[in-house]
Amino acid sequence: MMAMSWLSLLASSGGFAGGSYFLKRYADLGMLTDLGYAFAIFALSNLIYAQVLSKGLGQGAAMSSMTHLILMSVLGVTVFGERLSYHQVAGLMFALCSIWLFAQSARMTAG
């Protein structure tokens, strides 16, 4: 994948994590501004994600899912004090391995 596609993918995944953060704040505090922020961030992230998919990057969909899983787990642990079980940590390790394998396959087909 090209560098711009990687940046777009990272931006959309980060946006989804940010939107989820504001949804959690809305659930906890009930402030409508948090709901508005979440909606705006999700809308922008979906537009970026649609741009990635429009280039025929099916690999990007899988990468986005794994990146989103990792970002949401890190957000839950650091911001909301969640505790992960051994099975969840193993799942995150598998997600990291899948990202690495996708990156290796992209490098081998490009080179």
PDB file of N, CA and C in Angstrom:
ATOM      1  N   MET A   1       0.840  -1.179   0.000  1.00  0.00           N
ATOM      2  CA  MET A   1       0.000   0.000   0.000  1.00  0.00           C
ATOM      3  C   MET A   1       0.880   1.235   0.000  1.00  0.00           C
ATOM      4  N   MET A   2       0.395   2.257  -0.607  1.00  0.00           N
ATOM      5  CA  MET A   2       1.151   3.489  -0.675  1.00  0.00           C
ATOM      6  C   MET A   2       1.135   4.195   0.676  1.00  0.00           C
ATOM      7  N   ALA A   3       2.065   5.100   0.848  1.00  0.00           N
ATOM      8  CA  ALA A   3       2.186   5.805   2.126  1.00  0.00           C
ATOM      9  C   ALA A   3       0.921   6.599   2.445  1.00  0.00           C
ATOM     10  N   MET A   4       0.318   7.215   1.431  1.00  0.00           N
ATOM     11  CA  MET A   4      -0.899   8.000   1.666  1.00  0.00           C
ATOM     12  C   MET A   4      -2.044   7.093   2.120  1.00  0.00           C
ATOM     13  N   SER A   5      -2.106   5.891   1.549  1.00  0.00           N
ATOM     14  CA  SER A   5      -3.147   4.947   1.966  1.00  0.00           C
ATOM     15  C   SER A   5      -2.948   4.526   3.407  1.00  0.00           C
ATOM     16  N   TRP A   6      -1.699   4.307   3.796  1.00  0.00           N
ATOM     17  CA  TRP A   6      -1.414   3.945   5.187  1.00  0.00           C
ATOM     18  C   TRP A   6      -1.804   5.078   6.127  1.00  0.00           C
ATOM     19  N   LEU A   7      -1.489   6.293   5.739  1.00  0.00           N
ATOM     20  CA  LEU A   7      -1.850   7.442   6.583  1.00  0.00           C
ATOM     21  C   LEU A   7      -3.368   7.601   6.673  1.00  0.00           C
ATOM     22  N   SER A   8      -4.065   7.397   5.560  1.00  0.00           N
ATOM     23  CA  SER A   8      -5.521   7.474   5.577  1.00  0.00           C
ATOM     24  C   SER A   8      -6.114   6.400   6.470  1.00  0.00           C
ATOM     25  N   LEU A   9      -5.559   5.204   6.376  1.00  0.00           N
ATOM     26  CA  LEU A   9      -6.031   4.099   7.203  1.00  0.00           C
ATOM     27  C   LEU A   9      -5.796   4.383   8.681  1.00  0.00           C
ATOM     28  N   LEU A  10      -4.635   4.900   9.002  1.00  0.00           N
ATOM     29  CA  LEU A  10      -4.322   5.245  10.387  1.00  0.00           C
ATOM     30  C   LEU A  10      -5.224   6.381  10.880  1.00  0.00           C
ATOM     31  N   ALA A  11      -5.470   7.360  10.028  1.00  0.00           N
ATOM     32  CA  ALA A  11      -6.330   8.477  10.416  1.00  0.00           C
ATOM     33  C   ALA A  11      -7.761   8.010  10.674  1.00  0.00           C
ATOM     34  N   SER A  12      -8.275   7.120   9.824  1.00  0.00           N
ATOM     35  CA  SER A  12      -9.646   6.654  10.037  1.00  0.00           C
ATOM     36  C   SER A  12      -9.737   5.800  11.296  1.00  0.00           C
ATOM     37  N   SER A  13      -8.748   4.960  11.537  1.00  0.00           N
ATOM     38  CA  SER A  13      -8.767   4.145  12.757  1.00  0.00           C
ATOM     39  C   SER A  13      -8.663   5.006  14.003  1.00  0.00           C
ATOM     40  N   GLY A  14      -7.795   6.008  13.955  1.00  0.00           N
ATOM     41  CA  GLY A  14      -7.693   6.930  15.078  1.00  0.00           C
ATOM     42  C   GLY A  14      -8.974   7.714  15.279  1.00  0.00           C
ATOM     43  N   GLY A  15      -9.622   8.066  14.179  1.00  0.00           N
ATOM     44  CA  GLY A  15     -10.892   8.773  14.269  1.00  0.00           C
ATOM     45  C   GLY A  15     -11.979   7.916  14.895  1.00  0.00           C
ATOM     46  N   PHE A  16     -12.029   6.645  14.523  1.00  0.00           N
ATOM     47  CA  PHE A  16     -13.013   5.747  15.122  1.00  0.00           C
ATOM     48  C   PHE A  16     -12.772   5.608  16.626  1.00  0.00           C
ATOM     49  N   ALA A  17     -11.509   5.535  17.024  1.00  0.00           N
ATOM     50  CA  ALA A  17     -11.197   5.458  18.451  1.00  0.00           C
ATOM     51  C   ALA A  17     -11.599   6.753  19.159  1.00  0.00           C
ATOM     52  N   GLY A  18     -11.331   7.883  18.528  1.00  0.00           N
ATOM     53  CA  GLY A  18     -11.722   9.165  19.122  1.00  0.00           C
ATOM     54  C   GLY A  18     -13.226   9.316  19.240  1.00  0.00           C
ATOM     55  N   GLY A  19     -13.949   8.888  18.216  1.00  0.00           N
ATOM     56  CA  GLY A  19     -15.402   8.933  18.267  1.00  0.00           C
ATOM     57  C   GLY A  19     -15.958   8.055  19.370  1.00  0.00           C
ATOM     58  N   SER A  20     -15.355   6.876  19.543  1.00  0.00           N
ATOM     59  CA  SER A  20     -15.788   5.971  20.606  1.00  0.00           C
ATOM     60  C   SER A  20     -15.522   6.572  21.985  1.00  0.00           C
ATOM     61  N   TYR A  21     -14.425   7.297  22.104  1.00  0.00           N
ATOM     62  CA  TYR A  21     -14.112   7.974  23.365  1.00  0.00           C
ATOM     63  C   TYR A  21     -15.224   8.968  23.728  1.00  0.00           C
ATOM     64  N   PHE A  22     -15.635   9.770  22.748  1.00  0.00           N
ATOM     65  CA  PHE A  22     -16.685  10.754  23.026  1.00  0.00           C
ATOM     66  C   PHE A  22     -18.040  10.103  23.274  1.00  0.00           C
ATOM     67  N   LEU A  23     -18.300   8.958  22.629  1.00  0.00           N
ATOM     68  CA  LEU A  23     -19.543   8.233  22.930  1.00  0.00           C
ATOM     69  C   LEU A  23     -19.542   7.716  24.365  1.00  0.00           C
ATOM     70  N   LYS A  24     -18.393   7.235  24.824  1.00  0.00           N
ATOM     71  CA  LYS A  24     -18.284   6.771  26.210  1.00  0.00           C
ATOM     72  C   LYS A  24     -18.485   7.931  27.175  1.00  0.00           C
ATOM     73  N   ARG A  25     -17.904   9.080  26.850  1.00  0.00           N
ATOM     74  CA  ARG A  25     -18.104  10.267  27.696  1.00  0.00           C
ATOM     75  C   ARG A  25     -19.558  10.680  27.722  1.00  0.00           C
ATOM     76  N   TYR A  26     -20.232  10.595  26.557  1.00  0.00           N
ATOM     77  CA  TYR A  26     -21.645  10.930  26.505  1.00  0.00           C
ATOM     78  C   TYR A  26     -22.454   9.970  27.371  1.00  0.00           C
ATOM     79  N   ALA A  27     -22.106   8.695  27.326  1.00  0.00           N
ATOM     80  CA  ALA A  27     -22.815   7.709  28.148  1.00  0.00           C
ATOM     81  C   ALA A  27     -22.597   7.975  29.629  1.00  0.00           C
ATOM     82  N   ASP A  28     -21.409   8.423  29.997  1.00  0.00           N
ATOM     83  CA  ASP A  28     -21.105   8.683  31.408  1.00  0.00           C
ATOM     84  C   ASP A  28     -21.665  10.015  31.903  1.00  0.00           C
ATOM     85  N   LEU A  29     -21.521  11.074  31.091  1.00  0.00           N
ATOM     86  CA  LEU A  29     -21.861  12.427  31.535  1.00  0.00           C
ATOM     87  C   LEU A  29     -23.178  12.957  30.973  1.00  0.00           C
ATOM     88  N   GLY A  30     -23.609  12.437  29.830  1.00  0.00           N
ATOM     89  CA  GLY A  30     -24.861  12.874  29.232  1.00  0.00           C
ATOM     90  C   GLY A  30     -24.813  14.240  28.569  1.00  0.00           C
ATOM     91  N   MET A  31     -23.628  14.729  28.226  1.00  0.00           N
ATOM     92  CA  MET A  31     -23.509  16.041  27.583  1.00  0.00           C
ATOM     93  C   MET A  31     -23.714  15.890  26.071  1.00  0.00           C
ATOM     94  N   LEU A  32     -24.624  16.673  25.517  1.00  0.00           N
ATOM     95  CA  LEU A  32     -24.915  16.576  24.090  1.00  0.00           C
ATOM     96  C   LEU A  32     -23.746  16.995  23.213  1.00  0.00           C
ATOM     97  N   THR A  33     -22.865  17.837  23.736  1.00  0.00           N
ATOM     98  CA  THR A  33     -21.699  18.236  22.935  1.00  0.00           C
ATOM     99  C   THR A  33     -20.815  17.026  22.648  1.00  0.00           C
ATOM    100  N   ASP A  34     -20.692  16.119  23.627  1.00  0.00           N
ATOM    101  CA  ASP A  34     -19.898  14.907  23.400  1.00  0.00           C
ATOM    102  C   ASP A  34     -20.514  14.057  22.298  1.00  0.00           C
ATOM    103  N   LEU A  35     -21.840  13.980  22.259  1.00  0.00           N
ATOM    104  CA  LEU A  35     -22.525  13.235  21.208  1.00  0.00           C
ATOM    105  C   LEU A  35     -22.294  13.896  19.850  1.00  0.00           C
ATOM    106  N   GLY A  36     -22.308  15.211  19.817  1.00  0.00           N
ATOM    107  CA  GLY A  36     -22.035  15.936  18.576  1.00  0.00           C
ATOM    108  C   GLY A  36     -20.619  15.725  18.083  1.00  0.00           C
ATOM    109  N   TYR A  37     -19.660  15.773  19.007  1.00  0.00           N
ATOM    110  CA  TYR A  37     -18.274  15.499  18.635  1.00  0.00           C
ATOM    111  C   TYR A  37     -18.127  14.089  18.084  1.00  0.00           C
ATOM    112  N   ALA A  38     -18.739  13.124  18.751  1.00  0.00           N
ATOM    113  CA  ALA A  38     -18.651  11.730  18.300  1.00  0.00           C
ATOM    114  C   ALA A  38     -19.230  11.594  16.897  1.00  0.00           C
ATOM    115  N   PHE A  39     -20.392  12.198  16.651  1.00  0.00           N
ATOM    116  CA  PHE A  39     -21.005  12.104  15.330  1.00  0.00           C
ATOM    117  C   PHE A  39     -20.100  12.706  14.262  1.00  0.00           C
ATOM    118  N   ALA A  40     -19.556  13.887  14.531  1.00  0.00           N
ATOM    119  CA  ALA A  40     -18.695  14.555  13.549  1.00  0.00           C
ATOM    120  C   ALA A  40     -17.429  13.745  13.276  1.00  0.00           C
ATOM    121  N   ILE A  41     -16.827  13.215  14.326  1.00  0.00           N
ATOM    122  CA  ILE A  41     -15.606  12.429  14.153  1.00  0.00           C
ATOM    123  C   ILE A  41     -15.898  11.143  13.391  1.00  0.00           C
ATOM    124  N   PHE A  42     -16.996  10.458  13.725  1.00  0.00           N
ATOM    125  CA  PHE A  42     -17.356   9.236  13.003  1.00  0.00           C
ATOM    126  C   PHE A  42     -17.642   9.524  11.532  1.00  0.00           C
ATOM    127  N   ALA A  43     -18.321  10.623  11.248  1.00  0.00           N
ATOM    128  CA  ALA A  43     -18.632  10.963   9.860  1.00  0.00           C
ATOM    129  C   ALA A  43     -17.354  11.206   9.060  1.00  0.00           C
ATOM    130  N   LEU A  44     -16.429  11.971   9.615  1.00  0.00           N
ATOM    131  CA  LEU A  44     -15.168  12.239   8.938  1.00  0.00           C
ATOM    132  C   LEU A  44     -14.352  10.958   8.770  1.00  0.00           C
ATOM    133  N   SER A  45     -14.319  10.121   9.798  1.00  0.00           N
ATOM    134  CA  SER A  45     -13.567   8.870   9.718  1.00  0.00           C
ATOM    135  C   SER A  45     -14.144   7.941   8.661  1.00  0.00           C
ATOM    136  N   ASN A  46     -15.466   7.897   8.553  1.00  0.00           N
ATOM    137  CA  ASN A  46     -16.088   7.059   7.521  1.00  0.00           C
ATOM    138  C   ASN A  46     -15.789   7.577   6.121  1.00  0.00           C
ATOM    139  N   LEU A  47     -15.727   8.881   5.945  1.00  0.00           N
ATOM    140  CA  LEU A  47     -15.360   9.429   4.640  1.00  0.00           C
ATOM    141  C   LEU A  47     -13.932   9.051   4.265  1.00  0.00           C
ATOM    142  N   ILE A  48     -13.037   9.128   5.225  1.00  0.00           N
ATOM    143  CA  ILE A  48     -11.651   8.735   4.975  1.00  0.00           C
ATOM    144  C   ILE A  48     -11.572   7.248   4.660  1.00  0.00           C
ATOM    145  N   TYR A  49     -12.321   6.433   5.414  1.00  0.00           N
ATOM    146  CA  TYR A  49     -12.315   4.989   5.213  1.00  0.00           C
ATOM    147  C   TYR A  49     -12.900   4.632   3.849  1.00  0.00           C
ATOM    148  N   ALA A  50     -13.940   5.339   3.422  1.00  0.00           N
ATOM    149  CA  ALA A  50     -14.517   5.094   2.091  1.00  0.00           C
ATOM    150  C   ALA A  50     -13.505   5.407   0.999  1.00  0.00           C
ATOM    151  N   GLN A  51     -12.692   6.425   1.213  1.00  0.00           N
ATOM    152  CA  GLN A  51     -11.641   6.760   0.245  1.00  0.00           C
ATOM    153  C   GLN A  51     -10.624   5.635   0.141  1.00  0.00           C
ATOM    154  N   VAL A  52     -10.285   5.020   1.262  1.00  0.00           N
ATOM    155  CA  VAL A  52      -9.349   3.898   1.248  1.00  0.00           C
ATOM    156  C   VAL A  52      -9.951   2.715   0.495  1.00  0.00           C
ATOM    157  N   LEU A  53     -11.213   2.411   0.765  1.00  0.00           N
ATOM    158  CA  LEU A  53     -11.860   1.276   0.115  1.00  0.00           C
ATOM    159  C   LEU A  53     -12.107   1.525  -1.372  1.00  0.00           C
ATOM    160  N   SER A  54     -12.292   2.773  -1.760  1.00  0.00           N
ATOM    161  CA  SER A  54     -12.545   3.076  -3.170  1.00  0.00           C
ATOM    162  C   SER A  54     -11.334   2.769  -4.045  1.00  0.00           C
ATOM    163  N   LYS A  55     -10.175   2.690  -3.448  1.00  0.00           N
ATOM    164  CA  LYS A  55      -8.966   2.354  -4.196  1.00  0.00           C
ATOM    165  C   LYS A  55      -8.792   0.849  -4.350  1.00  0.00           C
ATOM    166  N   GLY A  56      -9.798   0.082  -3.903  1.00  0.00           N
ATOM    167  CA  GLY A  56      -9.713  -1.362  -4.049  1.00  0.00           C
ATOM    168  C   GLY A  56      -8.763  -2.003  -3.064  1.00  0.00           C
ATOM    169  N   LEU A  57      -8.613  -1.415  -1.930  1.00  0.00           N
ATOM    170  CA  LEU A  57      -7.664  -1.926  -0.941  1.00  0.00           C
ATOM    171  C   LEU A  57      -8.391  -2.804   0.072  1.00  0.00           C
ATOM    172  N   GLY A  58      -8.762  -4.002  -0.359  1.00  0.00           N
ATOM    173  CA  GLY A  58      -9.423  -4.932   0.546  1.00  0.00           C
ATOM    174  C   GLY A  58      -8.547  -5.255   1.735  1.00  0.00           C
ATOM    175  N   GLN A  59      -7.247  -5.247   1.497  1.00  0.00           N
ATOM    176  CA  GLN A  59      -6.294  -5.472   2.583  1.00  0.00           C
ATOM    177  C   GLN A  59      -6.429  -4.369   3.630  1.00  0.00           C
ATOM    178  N   GLY A  60      -6.790  -3.185   3.186  1.00  0.00           N
ATOM    179  CA  GLY A  60      -6.974  -2.073   4.105  1.00  0.00           C
ATOM    180  C   GLY A  60      -8.116  -2.309   5.077  1.00  0.00           C
ATOM    181  N   ALA A  61      -9.145  -3.008   4.622  1.00  0.00           N
ATOM    182  CA  ALA A  61     -10.273  -3.295   5.513  1.00  0.00           C
ATOM    183  C   ALA A  61      -9.832  -4.185   6.660  1.00  0.00           C
ATOM    184  N   ALA A  62      -9.053  -5.205   6.355  1.00  0.00           N
ATOM    185  CA  ALA A  62      -8.557  -6.093   7.408  1.00  0.00           C
ATOM    186  C   ALA A  62      -7.593  -5.349   8.335  1.00  0.00           C
ATOM    187  N   MET A  63      -6.725  -4.537   7.747  1.00  0.00           N
ATOM    188  CA  MET A  63      -5.775  -3.774   8.553  1.00  0.00           C
ATOM    189  C   MET A  63      -6.511  -2.793   9.461  1.00  0.00           C
ATOM    190  N   SER A  64      -7.549  -2.179   8.934  1.00  0.00           N
ATOM    191  CA  SER A  64      -8.317  -1.232   9.727  1.00  0.00           C
ATOM    192  C   SER A  64      -8.986  -1.923  10.902  1.00  0.00           C
ATOM    193  N   SER A  65      -9.522  -3.097  10.675  1.00  0.00           N
ATOM    194  CA  SER A  65     -10.173  -3.832  11.763  1.00  0.00           C
ATOM    195  C   SER A  65      -9.184  -4.154  12.877  1.00  0.00           C
ATOM    196  N   MET A  66      -8.011  -4.606  12.513  1.00  0.00           N
ATOM    197  CA  MET A  66      -7.012  -4.959  13.519  1.00  0.00           C
ATOM    198  C   MET A  66      -6.496  -3.716  14.226  1.00  0.00           C
ATOM    199  N   THR A  67      -6.263  -2.648  13.479  1.00  0.00           N
ATOM    200  CA  THR A  67      -5.785  -1.407  14.083  1.00  0.00           C
ATOM    201  C   THR A  67      -6.829  -0.844  15.040  1.00  0.00           C
ATOM    202  N   HIS A  68      -8.088  -0.912  14.623  1.00  0.00           N
ATOM    203  CA  HIS A  68      -9.172  -0.408  15.479  1.00  0.00           C
ATOM    204  C   HIS A  68      -9.267  -1.234  16.761  1.00  0.00           C
ATOM    205  N   LEU A  69      -9.138  -2.533  16.659  1.00  0.00           N
ATOM    206  CA  LEU A  69      -9.161  -3.403  17.832  1.00  0.00           C
ATOM    207  C   LEU A  69      -8.051  -3.029  18.820  1.00  0.00           C
ATOM    208  N   ILE A  70      -6.873  -2.806  18.309  1.00  0.00           N
ATOM    209  CA  ILE A  70      -5.735  -2.472  19.167  1.00  0.00           C
ATOM    210  C   ILE A  70      -5.917  -1.084  19.787  1.00  0.00           C
ATOM    211  N   LEU A  71      -6.307  -0.104  18.973  1.00  0.00           N
ATOM    212  CA  LEU A  71      -6.490   1.255  19.498  1.00  0.00           C
ATOM    213  C   LEU A  71      -7.584   1.313  20.567  1.00  0.00           C
ATOM    214  N   MET A  72      -8.685   0.606  20.328  1.00  0.00           N
ATOM    215  CA  MET A  72      -9.769   0.619  21.310  1.00  0.00           C
ATOM    216  C   MET A  72      -9.345  -0.062  22.609  1.00  0.00           C
ATOM    217  N   SER A  73      -8.553  -1.112  22.514  1.00  0.00           N
ATOM    218  CA  SER A  73      -8.071  -1.792  23.720  1.00  0.00           C
ATOM    219  C   SER A  73      -7.131  -0.888  24.504  1.00  0.00           C
ATOM    220  N   VAL A  74      -6.228  -0.219  23.805  1.00  0.00           N
ATOM    221  CA  VAL A  74      -5.299   0.705  24.474  1.00  0.00           C
ATOM    222  C   VAL A  74      -6.078   1.856  25.107  1.00  0.00           C
ATOM    223  N   LEU A  75      -7.069   2.381  24.400  1.00  0.00           N
ATOM    224  CA  LEU A  75      -7.898   3.452  24.935  1.00  0.00           C
ATOM    225  C   LEU A  75      -8.647   2.992  26.180  1.00  0.00           C
ATOM    226  N   GLY A  76      -9.207   1.804  26.147  1.00  0.00           N
ATOM    227  CA  GLY A  76      -9.934   1.277  27.307  1.00  0.00           C
ATOM    228  C   GLY A  76      -9.045   1.105  28.522  1.00  0.00           C
ATOM    229  N   VAL A  77      -7.827   0.615  28.289  1.00  0.00           N
ATOM    230  CA  VAL A  77      -6.902   0.378  29.408  1.00  0.00           C
ATOM    231  C   VAL A  77      -6.377   1.695  29.975  1.00  0.00           C
ATOM    232  N   THR A  78      -5.958   2.607  29.095  1.00  0.00           N
ATOM    233  CA  THR A  78      -5.309   3.824  29.584  1.00  0.00           C
ATOM    234  C   THR A  78      -6.293   4.866  30.104  1.00  0.00           C
ATOM    235  N   VAL A  79      -7.418   5.040  29.427  1.00  0.00           N
ATOM    236  CA  VAL A  79      -8.336   6.116  29.803  1.00  0.00           C
ATOM    237  C   VAL A  79      -9.395   5.655  30.801  1.00  0.00           C
ATOM    238  N   PHE A  80      -9.949   4.465  30.585  1.00  0.00           N
ATOM    239  CA  PHE A  80     -11.077   4.023  31.389  1.00  0.00           C
ATOM    240  C   PHE A  80     -10.719   2.963  32.429  1.00  0.00           C
ATOM    241  N   GLY A  81      -9.449   2.591  32.520  1.00  0.00           N
ATOM    242  CA  GLY A  81      -9.006   1.669  33.564  1.00  0.00           C
ATOM    243  C   GLY A  81      -9.462   0.231  33.386  1.00  0.00           C
ATOM    244  N   GLU A  82      -9.733  -0.170  32.158  1.00  0.00           N
ATOM    245  CA  GLU A  82     -10.130  -1.560  31.906  1.00  0.00           C
ATOM    246  C   GLU A  82      -8.953  -2.490  32.197  1.00  0.00           C
ATOM    247  N   ARG A  83      -9.279  -3.713  32.576  1.00  0.00           N
ATOM    248  CA  ARG A  83      -8.243  -4.729  32.784  1.00  0.00           C
ATOM    249  C   ARG A  83      -8.479  -5.861  31.793  1.00  0.00           C
ATOM    250  N   LEU A  84      -7.416  -6.262  31.104  1.00  0.00           N
ATOM    251  CA  LEU A  84      -7.521  -7.296  30.089  1.00  0.00           C
ATOM    252  C   LEU A  84      -7.199  -8.664  30.680  1.00  0.00           C
ATOM    253  N   SER A  85      -7.949  -9.670  30.238  1.00  0.00           N
ATOM    254  CA  SER A  85      -7.645 -11.043  30.655  1.00  0.00           C
ATOM    255  C   SER A  85      -6.507 -11.569  29.780  1.00  0.00           C
ATOM    256  N   TYR A  86      -5.998 -12.735  30.132  1.00  0.00           N
ATOM    257  CA  TYR A  86      -4.924 -13.347  29.343  1.00  0.00           C
ATOM    258  C   TYR A  86      -5.404 -13.660  27.931  1.00  0.00           C
ATOM    259  N   HIS A  87      -6.658 -14.052  27.785  1.00  0.00           N
ATOM    260  CA  HIS A  87      -7.201 -14.351  26.467  1.00  0.00           C
ATOM    261  C   HIS A  87      -7.279 -13.087  25.608  1.00  0.00           C
ATOM    262  N   GLN A  88      -7.635 -11.970  26.209  1.00  0.00           N
ATOM    263  CA  GLN A  88      -7.708 -10.715  25.465  1.00  0.00           C
ATOM    264  C   GLN A  88      -6.319 -10.237  25.052  1.00  0.00           C
ATOM    265  N   VAL A  89      -5.344 -10.403  25.924  1.00  0.00           N
ATOM    266  CA  VAL A  89      -3.966 -10.034  25.580  1.00  0.00           C
ATOM    267  C   VAL A  89      -3.470 -10.914  24.438  1.00  0.00           C
ATOM    268  N   ALA A  90      -3.796 -12.200  24.478  1.00  0.00           N
ATOM    269  CA  ALA A  90      -3.413 -13.100  23.390  1.00  0.00           C
ATOM    270  C   ALA A  90      -4.079 -12.667  22.083  1.00  0.00           C
ATOM    271  N   GLY A  91      -5.334 -12.262  22.141  1.00  0.00           N
ATOM    272  CA  GLY A  91      -6.022 -11.777  20.949  1.00  0.00           C
ATOM    273  C   GLY A  91      -5.355 -10.534  20.378  1.00  0.00           C
ATOM    274  N   LEU A  92      -4.902  -9.644  21.243  1.00  0.00           N
ATOM    275  CA  LEU A  92      -4.191  -8.452  20.773  1.00  0.00           C
ATOM    276  C   LEU A  92      -2.858  -8.822  20.130  1.00  0.00           C
ATOM    277  N   MET A  93      -2.193  -9.820  20.677  1.00  0.00           N
ATOM    278  CA  MET A  93      -0.934 -10.277  20.073  1.00  0.00           C
ATOM    279  C   MET A  93      -1.191 -10.865  18.678  1.00  0.00           C
ATOM    280  N   PHE A  94      -2.276 -11.617  18.538  1.00  0.00           N
ATOM    281  CA  PHE A  94      -2.634 -12.149  17.226  1.00  0.00           C
ATOM    282  C   PHE A  94      -2.972 -11.025  16.247  1.00  0.00           C
ATOM    283  N   ALA A  95      -3.622  -9.974  16.738  1.00  0.00           N
ATOM    284  CA  ALA A  95      -3.934  -8.824  15.880  1.00  0.00           C
ATOM    285  C   ALA A  95      -2.649  -8.150  15.409  1.00  0.00           C
ATOM    286  N   LEU A  96      -1.682  -7.989  16.306  1.00  0.00           N
ATOM    287  CA  LEU A  96      -0.393  -7.416  15.914  1.00  0.00           C
ATOM    288  C   LEU A  96       0.317  -8.295  14.898  1.00  0.00           C
ATOM    289  N   CYS A  97       0.251  -9.617  15.107  1.00  0.00           N
ATOM    290  CA  CYS A  97       0.868 -10.544  14.155  1.00  0.00           C
ATOM    291  C   CYS A  97       0.205 -10.447  12.781  1.00  0.00           C
ATOM    292  N   SER A  98      -1.110 -10.288  12.751  1.00  0.00           N
ATOM    293  CA  SER A  98      -1.793 -10.185  11.456  1.00  0.00           C
ATOM    294  C   SER A  98      -1.397  -8.907  10.730  1.00  0.00           C
ATOM    295  N   ILE A  99      -1.236  -7.815  11.466  1.00  0.00           N
ATOM    296  CA  ILE A  99      -0.790  -6.566  10.839  1.00  0.00           C
ATOM    297  C   ILE A  99       0.608  -6.752  10.265  1.00  0.00           C
ATOM    298  N   TRP A 100       1.477  -7.403  11.017  1.00  0.00           N
ATOM    299  CA  TRP A 100       2.838  -7.645  10.541  1.00  0.00           C
ATOM    300  C   TRP A 100       2.830  -8.527   9.295  1.00  0.00           C
ATOM    301  N   LEU A 101       2.006  -9.579   9.296  1.00  0.00           N
ATOM    302  CA  LEU A 101       1.934 -10.468   8.133  1.00  0.00           C
ATOM    303  C   LEU A 101       1.390  -9.745   6.904  1.00  0.00           C
ATOM    304  N   PHE A 102       0.375  -8.896   7.078  1.00  0.00           N
ATOM    305  CA  PHE A 102      -0.135  -8.119   5.954  1.00  0.00           C
ATOM    306  C   PHE A 102       0.948  -7.185   5.414  1.00  0.00           C
ATOM    307  N   ALA A 103       1.696  -6.559   6.297  1.00  0.00           N
ATOM    308  CA  ALA A 103       2.759  -5.660   5.852  1.00  0.00           C
ATOM    309  C   ALA A 103       3.835  -6.421   5.098  1.00  0.00           C
ATOM    310  N   GLN A 104       4.162  -7.632   5.559  1.00  0.00           N
ATOM    311  CA  GLN A 104       5.164  -8.441   4.864  1.00  0.00           C
ATOM    312  C   GLN A 104       4.678  -8.873   3.486  1.00  0.00           C
ATOM    313  N   SER A 105       3.403  -9.253   3.383  1.00  0.00           N
ATOM    314  CA  SER A 105       2.884  -9.683   2.083  1.00  0.00           C
ATOM    315  C   SER A 105       2.828  -8.514   1.116  1.00  0.00           C
ATOM    316  N   ALA A 106       2.508  -7.329   1.598  1.00  0.00           N
ATOM    317  CA  ALA A 106       2.483  -6.151   0.732  1.00  0.00           C
ATOM    318  C   ALA A 106       3.889  -5.811   0.252  1.00  0.00           C
ATOM    319  N   ARG A 107       4.872  -5.997   1.112  1.00  0.00           N
ATOM    320  CA  ARG A 107       6.264  -5.710   0.753  1.00  0.00           C
ATOM    321  C   ARG A 107       6.763  -6.708  -0.290  1.00  0.00           C
ATOM    322  N   MET A 108       6.374  -7.977  -0.143  1.00  0.00           N
ATOM    323  CA  MET A 108       6.829  -9.005  -1.078  1.00  0.00           C
ATOM    324  C   MET A 108       6.187  -8.850  -2.455  1.00  0.00           C
ATOM    325  N   THR A 109       4.926  -8.428  -2.513  1.00  0.00           N
ATOM    326  CA  THR A 109       4.280  -8.240  -3.818  1.00  0.00           C
ATOM    327  C   THR A 109       4.758  -6.972  -4.506  1.00  0.00           C
ATOM    328  N   ALA A 110       5.162  -5.975  -3.729  1.00  0.00           N
ATOM    329  CA  ALA A 110       5.659  -4.727  -4.324  1.00  0.00           C
ATOM    330  C   ALA A 110       7.081  -4.876  -4.823  1.00  0.00           C
ATOM    331  N   GLY A 111       7.841  -5.718  -4.181  1.00  0.00           N
ATOM    332  CA  GLY A 111       9.270  -5.820  -4.506  1.00  0.00           C
ATOM    333  C   GLY A 111       9.552  -6.997  -5.292  1.00  0.00           C
TER     334      GLY A 111
END
